[in-house]
C-alpha atoms as a PDB file:
ATOM      1  CA  MET A   1      88.540 161.262  64.150  1.00  0.00           C
ATOM      2  CA  GLU A   2      92.124 159.678  64.415  1.00  0.00           C
ATOM      3  CA  ALA A   3      95.230 161.172  64.942  1.00  0.00           C
ATOM      4  CA  LYS A   4      96.279 160.665  61.484  1.00  0.00           C
ATOM      5  CA  ASP A   5      93.055 162.046  60.051  1.00  0.00           C
ATOM      6  CA  THR A   6      93.537 165.196  62.148  1.00  0.00           C
ATOM      7  CA  VAL A   7      97.039 165.714  60.930  1.00  0.00           C
ATOM      8  CA  LEU A   8      96.270 165.393  57.412  1.00  0.00           C
ATOM      9  CA  GLU A   9      93.819 167.745  57.897  1.00  0.00           C
ATOM     10  CA  ILE A  10      95.894 170.413  59.830  1.00  0.00           C
ATOM     11  CA  MET A  11      98.363 170.052  56.816  1.00  0.00           C
ATOM     12  CA  ARG A  12      95.882 170.521  54.157  1.00  0.00           C
ATOM     13  CA  LYS A  13      94.312 173.769  55.469  1.00  0.00           C
ATOM     14  CA  GLU A  14      97.832 175.161  56.515  1.00  0.00           C
ATOM     15  CA  HIS A  15      98.920 175.072  52.756  1.00  0.00           C
ATOM     16  CA  LYS A  16     102.701 175.009  53.935  1.00  0.00           C
ATOM     17  CA  PRO A  17     104.931 172.636  55.091  1.00  0.00           C
ATOM     18  CA  LEU A  18     104.640 171.836  58.872  1.00  0.00           C
ATOM     19  CA  SER A  19     106.988 170.120  61.458  1.00  0.00           C
ATOM     20  CA  ALA A  20     105.880 167.880  63.764  1.00  0.00           C
ATOM     21  CA  GLY A  21     106.167 170.443  66.481  1.00  0.00           C
ATOM     22  CA  GLN A  22     103.955 172.948  64.767  1.00  0.00           C
ATOM     23  CA  ILE A  23     101.193 170.297  63.976  1.00  0.00           C
ATOM     24  CA  ALA A  24     101.099 169.305  67.601  1.00  0.00           C
ATOM     25  CA  GLU A  25     100.754 172.476  68.640  1.00  0.00           C
ATOM     26  CA  ILE A  26      97.867 173.591  66.358  1.00  0.00           C
ATOM     27  CA  SER A  27      95.858 170.484  66.967  1.00  0.00           C
ATOM     28  CA  GLY A  28      96.905 169.849  71.158  1.00  0.00           C
ATOM     29  CA  LEU A  29      97.606 166.432  70.316  1.00  0.00           C
ATOM     30  CA  ASP A  30     100.589 164.961  72.265  1.00  0.00           C
ATOM     31  CA  ARG A  31     104.049 165.002  70.311  1.00  0.00           C
ATOM     32  CA  LYS A  32     104.674 161.393  70.432  1.00  0.00           C
ATOM     33  CA  GLU A  33     100.784 161.112  69.002  1.00  0.00           C
ATOM     34  CA  VAL A  34     101.825 163.280  66.111  1.00  0.00           C
ATOM     35  CA  ASP A  35     105.197 161.441  64.957  1.00  0.00           C
ATOM     36  CA  LYS A  36     103.522 158.377  65.162  1.00  0.00           C
ATOM     37  CA  ALA A  37     100.293 159.370  62.589  1.00  0.00           C
ATOM     38  CA  MET A  38     103.169 161.268  60.667  1.00  0.00           C
ATOM     39  CA  LYS A  39     104.934 157.780  60.284  1.00  0.00           C
ATOM     40  CA  THR A  40     101.678 155.982  59.117  1.00  0.00           C
ATOM     41  CA  LEU A  41     100.852 158.609  56.642  1.00  0.00           C
ATOM     42  CA  LYS A  42     104.358 158.669  55.387  1.00  0.00           C
ATOM     43  CA  ASN A  43     104.116 154.675  54.700  1.00  0.00           C
ATOM     44  CA  GLU A  44     100.777 155.242  53.345  1.00  0.00           C
ATOM     45  CA  ASP A  45     102.625 157.628  51.124  1.00  0.00           C
ATOM     46  CA  LEU A  46     100.058 160.701  51.571  1.00  0.00           C
ATOM     47  CA  ILE A  47     102.788 163.171  52.942  1.00  0.00           C
ATOM     48  CA  VAL A  48     105.948 164.161  51.306  1.00  0.00           C
ATOM     49  CA  SER A  49     108.849 166.079  52.915  1.00  0.00           C
ATOM     50  CA  PRO A  50     109.693 169.004  50.754  1.00  0.00           C
ATOM     51  CA  ARG A  51     112.391 170.039  53.328  1.00  0.00           C
ATOM     52  CA  ARG A  52     113.967 168.236  56.063  1.00  0.00           C
ATOM     53  CA  CYS A  53     111.780 167.844  58.897  1.00  0.00           C
ATOM     54  CA  TYR A  54     108.860 169.788  57.109  1.00  0.00           C
ATOM     55  CA  TRP A  55     105.860 167.667  55.995  1.00  0.00           C
ATOM     56  CA  GLU A  56     103.037 168.714  53.495  1.00  0.00           C
ATOM     57  CA  PRO A  57     100.277 166.396  51.622  1.00  0.00           C
ATOM     58  CA  LYS A  58     101.093 164.864  48.624  1.00  0.00           C
ATOM     59  CA  LYS A  59      99.494 166.630  45.489  1.00  0.00           C
END
């Protein structure tokens, strides 16, 4: 499973906006890897930011 898939899966399971640091802590992935995955997800329009530095899956 790719990092972006892992990040998106965690966001869906948590049902609340998460920061990159929280996702890294939950997933065990490196923070830089999480940031890269989130950037890809943002560019693919799969996640949105309801408030600064927190992200959730697009509905």
